[in-house]
Amino acid sequence: MALHSAIKFSVFALVLLMLAIDSDVGGIAIYWGQNGNEGTLVETSATGNYEFVNLAFLSTFGNGQTPMINLAGHCDPYSNGCTGSSSEIKSCQAKGVQVMLFIGGAAGSYSLASSEDASQVAIYLWNNFLGGYTSSQPLGPAVLDAADFNIKGGKGLYCRSEILHWINSTLQLNLSKVEEACSGAVHCQHILAYSKKGKTLHLTASPRCPFPDDWVGNALKTGYQS
């Protein structure tokens, strides 16, 4: 009887294992940047434990503020001290680890006053982190793979959905939508060239347990995340 039960359990376990192998199981993500003792970005990706690394946080943006990334004890953005992260980001990506920008957070200073404000933030994200160009890129020339939204505050409904509309229109996840949204805008020419290279940029969100989330529920409804 015990042997029969053991055989049934073994078959059951084997079936579960085969299903797991055959399925598209999501990878593990980790937030990096807020603990000076957590090791370097290269060390984090070299563990082989993570498919995604979220750089936390871009916690200041919108409403006329100069966007500011905060990587705690790792580097000082005020003196352009975070540009050295570029080589580490590229090292992670070479190992197959996707590096994402974590936007928002619980202790940030962010709000969006209008759709124009959201558009300007989207253009800033593109030029500084996601494939565009500016001479003052906080993390240097490395191109991140995604933007992840962890909106837990901020004034105005634009924080909830409008920013994703404009980011999607500015970054675009496929060429046809780029051509439709750009309408000859100068900054879109860079996006068109980048999209033709086959680079895919992802927008993701980190809602809390209740759904729809108070802050990103409307954003998730847009369908722009991937």
Protein backbone atom coordinates (compact mmCIF):
# COMPACT_ATOMS: atom_id res chain seq x y z
CA MET A 1 0.00 0.00 0.00
CA ALA A 2 2.81 2.36 0.93
CA LEU A 3 4.67 1.46 -2.27
CA HIS A 4 1.53 2.05 -4.36
CA SER A 5 1.07 5.49 -2.78
CA ALA A 6 4.72 6.32 -3.37
CA ILE A 7 4.41 5.38 -7.06
CA LYS A 8 1.28 7.53 -7.46
CA PHE A 9 3.05 10.45 -5.79
CA SER A 10 6.12 10.02 -8.02
CA VAL A 11 3.96 10.04 -11.16
CA PHE A 12 2.09 13.11 -9.90
CA ALA A 13 5.38 14.91 -9.16
CA LEU A 14 6.73 14.01 -12.60
CA VAL A 15 3.61 15.40 -14.29
CA LEU A 16 3.97 18.65 -12.34
CA LEU A 17 7.64 18.87 -13.33
CA MET A 18 6.81 18.32 -17.01
CA LEU A 19 4.11 20.99 -16.86
CA ALA A 20 6.53 23.42 -15.26
CA ILE A 21 9.18 22.76 -17.90
CA ASP A 22 6.66 23.08 -20.72
CA SER A 23 5.10 26.31 -19.42
CA ASP A 24 6.37 29.85 -19.79
CA VAL A 25 7.24 30.43 -16.16
CA GLY A 26 7.90 34.05 -15.23
CA GLY A 27 11.35 35.01 -14.00
CA ILE A 28 12.24 36.45 -10.62
CA ALA A 29 12.70 40.21 -10.27
CA ILE A 30 14.63 42.07 -7.59
CA TYR A 31 14.73 45.71 -6.58
CA TRP A 32 18.22 47.17 -6.38
CA GLY A 33 19.50 50.56 -5.33
CA GLN A 34 18.26 51.40 -1.84
CA ASN A 35 20.74 49.48 0.29
CA GLY A 36 24.41 50.33 0.14
CA ASN A 37 25.24 46.88 1.54
CA GLU A 38 23.40 44.90 -1.12
CA GLY A 39 26.43 44.64 -3.38
CA THR A 40 27.00 46.03 -6.84
CA LEU A 41 24.68 45.68 -9.78
CA VAL A 42 27.16 43.33 -11.43
CA GLU A 43 27.27 41.13 -8.33
CA THR A 44 23.47 41.02 -8.20
CA SER A 45 23.08 39.88 -11.79
CA ALA A 46 26.01 37.45 -11.51
CA THR A 47 24.14 35.36 -8.93
CA GLY A 48 22.04 33.89 -11.72
CA ASN A 49 18.96 34.16 -9.50
CA TYR A 50 17.19 36.98 -11.30
CA GLU A 51 15.79 37.61 -14.74
CA PHE A 52 14.94 41.23 -13.98
CA VAL A 53 16.64 43.92 -11.90
CA ASN A 54 14.63 47.03 -11.03
CA LEU A 55 16.73 50.14 -10.41
CA ALA A 56 14.99 51.90 -7.54
CA PHE A 57 13.96 54.65 -7.74
CA LEU A 58 13.22 57.54 -10.10
CA SER A 59 11.28 59.16 -7.30
CA THR A 60 11.15 62.83 -8.33
CA PHE A 61 9.39 63.96 -11.50
CA GLY A 62 6.53 66.02 -12.86
CA ASN A 63 4.89 69.34 -12.04
CA GLY A 64 7.92 71.37 -13.08
CA GLN A 65 10.43 69.41 -11.00
CA THR A 66 13.75 68.27 -12.42
CA PRO A 67 13.46 64.45 -12.51
CA MET A 68 15.90 62.83 -10.11
CA ILE A 69 16.99 59.23 -9.63
CA ASN A 70 17.77 58.05 -6.10
CA LEU A 71 20.08 55.06 -5.72
CA ALA A 72 20.71 55.71 -2.03
CA GLY A 73 24.26 54.85 -0.94
CA HIS A 74 25.44 53.65 -4.35
CA CYS A 75 26.04 56.98 -6.08
CA ASP A 76 25.32 60.71 -5.95
CA PRO A 77 23.13 61.87 -8.86
CA TYR A 78 23.67 65.53 -7.98
CA SER A 79 27.32 65.27 -9.03
CA ASN A 80 26.61 62.95 -11.99
CA GLY A 81 28.06 60.16 -9.88
CA CYS A 82 25.66 57.53 -11.23
CA THR A 83 26.93 57.60 -14.81
CA GLY A 84 29.42 54.89 -13.88
CA SER A 85 26.46 52.50 -13.58
CA SER A 86 26.34 52.31 -17.37
CA SER A 87 29.01 49.61 -17.64
CA GLU A 88 27.34 47.59 -14.87
CA ILE A 89 23.97 47.78 -16.62
CA LYS A 90 25.52 46.56 -19.87
CA SER A 91 27.24 43.74 -17.99
CA CYS A 92 23.91 42.57 -16.57
CA GLN A 93 22.25 42.73 -19.97
CA ALA A 94 25.09 40.71 -21.49
CA LYS A 95 24.20 37.96 -18.99
CA GLY A 96 20.58 38.01 -20.18
CA VAL A 97 19.30 40.00 -17.20
CA GLN A 98 16.84 42.75 -18.11
CA VAL A 99 17.42 46.02 -16.28
CA MET A 100 14.37 48.17 -15.57
CA LEU A 101 13.82 51.66 -14.19
CA PHE A 102 11.60 51.64 -11.10
CA ILE A 103 9.45 54.79 -11.16
CA GLY A 104 7.64 56.24 -8.15
CA GLY A 105 7.84 54.55 -4.78
CA ALA A 106 6.31 55.28 -1.40
CA ALA A 107 8.58 58.18 -0.46
CA GLY A 108 8.85 60.03 -3.75
CA SER A 109 8.01 63.56 -4.78
CA TYR A 110 5.99 63.18 -7.95
CA SER A 111 2.80 64.44 -9.51
CA LEU A 112 1.54 65.26 -12.99
CA ALA A 113 -0.43 68.43 -13.50
CA SER A 114 -1.66 67.87 -17.05
CA SER A 115 -1.37 65.73 -20.15
CA GLU A 116 1.39 68.07 -21.35
CA ASP A 117 3.24 67.45 -18.09
CA ALA A 118 2.89 63.70 -18.64
CA SER A 119 4.17 64.12 -22.19
CA GLN A 120 7.28 65.95 -20.98
CA VAL A 121 8.02 63.25 -18.41
CA ALA A 122 7.63 60.60 -21.12
CA ILE A 123 10.08 62.42 -23.38
CA TYR A 124 12.51 62.74 -20.47
CA LEU A 125 12.32 58.99 -19.80
CA TRP A 126 12.93 58.21 -23.44
CA ASN A 127 15.88 60.57 -23.84
CA ASN A 128 17.58 59.71 -20.56
CA PHE A 129 16.98 56.00 -20.04
CA LEU A 130 15.22 54.18 -22.85
CA GLY A 131 17.00 54.78 -26.13
CA GLY A 132 16.92 58.49 -26.92
CA TYR A 133 19.76 60.90 -26.43
CA THR A 134 20.68 63.80 -24.19
CA SER A 135 24.03 64.99 -22.90
CA SER A 136 22.96 64.59 -19.27
CA GLN A 137 21.88 60.94 -18.98
CA PRO A 138 21.93 60.12 -15.23
CA LEU A 139 23.03 56.51 -15.77
CA GLY A 140 25.28 57.16 -18.73
CA PRO A 141 24.70 55.80 -22.25
CA ALA A 142 23.32 52.38 -21.26
CA VAL A 143 19.80 51.73 -22.57
CA LEU A 144 17.40 50.16 -20.07
CA ASP A 145 14.96 47.44 -21.07
CA ALA A 146 11.81 48.70 -19.38
CA ALA A 147 10.08 51.19 -17.13
CA ASP A 148 8.22 49.80 -14.13
CA PHE A 149 5.62 51.98 -12.39
CA ASN A 150 5.16 51.74 -8.65
CA ILE A 151 2.82 54.69 -8.15
CA LYS A 152 1.80 55.03 -4.53
CA GLY A 153 0.98 58.72 -4.41
CA GLY A 154 1.11 61.92 -6.39
CA LYS A 155 -1.53 64.47 -7.13
CA GLY A 156 -3.70 64.32 -10.21
CA LEU A 157 -5.27 61.52 -12.18
CA TYR A 158 -2.53 61.88 -14.77
CA CYS A 159 -0.30 59.81 -12.50
CA ARG A 160 -2.71 56.94 -12.89
CA SER A 161 -3.15 56.58 -16.62
CA GLU A 162 -2.22 59.62 -18.69
CA ILE A 163 1.52 59.16 -18.26
CA LEU A 164 1.27 55.67 -19.76
CA HIS A 165 -0.63 57.08 -22.73
CA TRP A 166 2.15 59.53 -23.41
CA ILE A 167 4.97 57.13 -22.69
CA ASN A 168 3.40 54.65 -25.05
CA SER A 169 3.03 57.36 -27.69
CA THR A 170 6.60 58.49 -27.15
CA LEU A 171 8.42 55.19 -26.72
CA GLN A 172 6.09 52.86 -28.60
CA LEU A 173 6.21 49.12 -28.38
CA ASN A 174 5.85 48.55 -32.11
CA LEU A 175 6.54 50.49 -35.28
CA SER A 176 2.97 50.88 -36.54
CA LYS A 177 1.87 52.64 -33.39
CA VAL A 178 4.94 54.86 -33.53
CA GLU A 179 4.09 56.01 -37.05
CA GLU A 180 0.49 56.67 -36.05
CA ALA A 181 1.38 58.64 -32.92
CA CYS A 182 4.38 60.64 -34.08
CA SER A 183 2.84 62.78 -36.82
CA GLY A 184 6.26 64.16 -37.79
CA ALA A 185 7.37 65.17 -34.29
CA VAL A 186 11.14 65.62 -34.21
CA HIS A 187 11.79 63.37 -31.21
CA CYS A 188 9.85 60.58 -32.86
CA GLN A 189 12.42 60.22 -35.62
CA HIS A 190 14.80 58.72 -33.06
CA ILE A 191 12.06 56.34 -31.93
CA LEU A 192 11.34 55.21 -35.47
CA ALA A 193 15.01 54.45 -36.10
CA TYR A 194 15.28 52.61 -32.79
CA SER A 195 12.13 50.57 -33.36
CA LYS A 196 13.37 49.44 -36.75
CA LYS A 197 16.37 47.85 -35.04
CA GLY A 198 13.97 45.41 -33.41
CA LYS A 199 14.49 46.67 -29.86
CA THR A 200 11.45 46.10 -27.66
CA LEU A 201 10.78 48.39 -24.72
CA HIS A 202 8.41 47.22 -22.01
CA LEU A 203 6.12 49.13 -19.68
CA THR A 204 5.17 47.32 -16.49
CA ALA A 205 3.41 48.19 -13.25
CA SER A 206 3.70 46.96 -9.67
CA PRO A 207 0.21 47.15 -8.17
CA ARG A 208 -0.58 46.29 -4.60
CA CYS A 209 -2.63 43.22 -3.69
CA PRO A 210 -6.14 44.76 -4.08
CA PHE A 211 -7.26 45.03 -7.70
CA PRO A 212 -7.92 47.42 -9.26
CA ASP A 213 -5.10 49.24 -7.47
CA ASP A 214 -6.03 52.75 -6.32
CA TRP A 215 -3.06 54.31 -8.09
CA VAL A 216 -2.34 52.20 -11.16
CA GLY A 217 -5.71 50.51 -11.72
CA ASN A 218 -6.70 52.92 -14.50
CA ALA A 219 -3.23 52.68 -16.00
CA LEU A 220 -3.48 48.90 -16.21
CA LYS A 221 -6.79 49.27 -18.04
CA THR A 222 -5.06 51.13 -20.87
CA GLY A 223 -3.44 47.88 -21.99
CA TYR A 224 -0.12 49.62 -22.63
CA GLN A 225 1.87 47.45 -20.25
CA SER A 226 3.53 44.37 -21.60
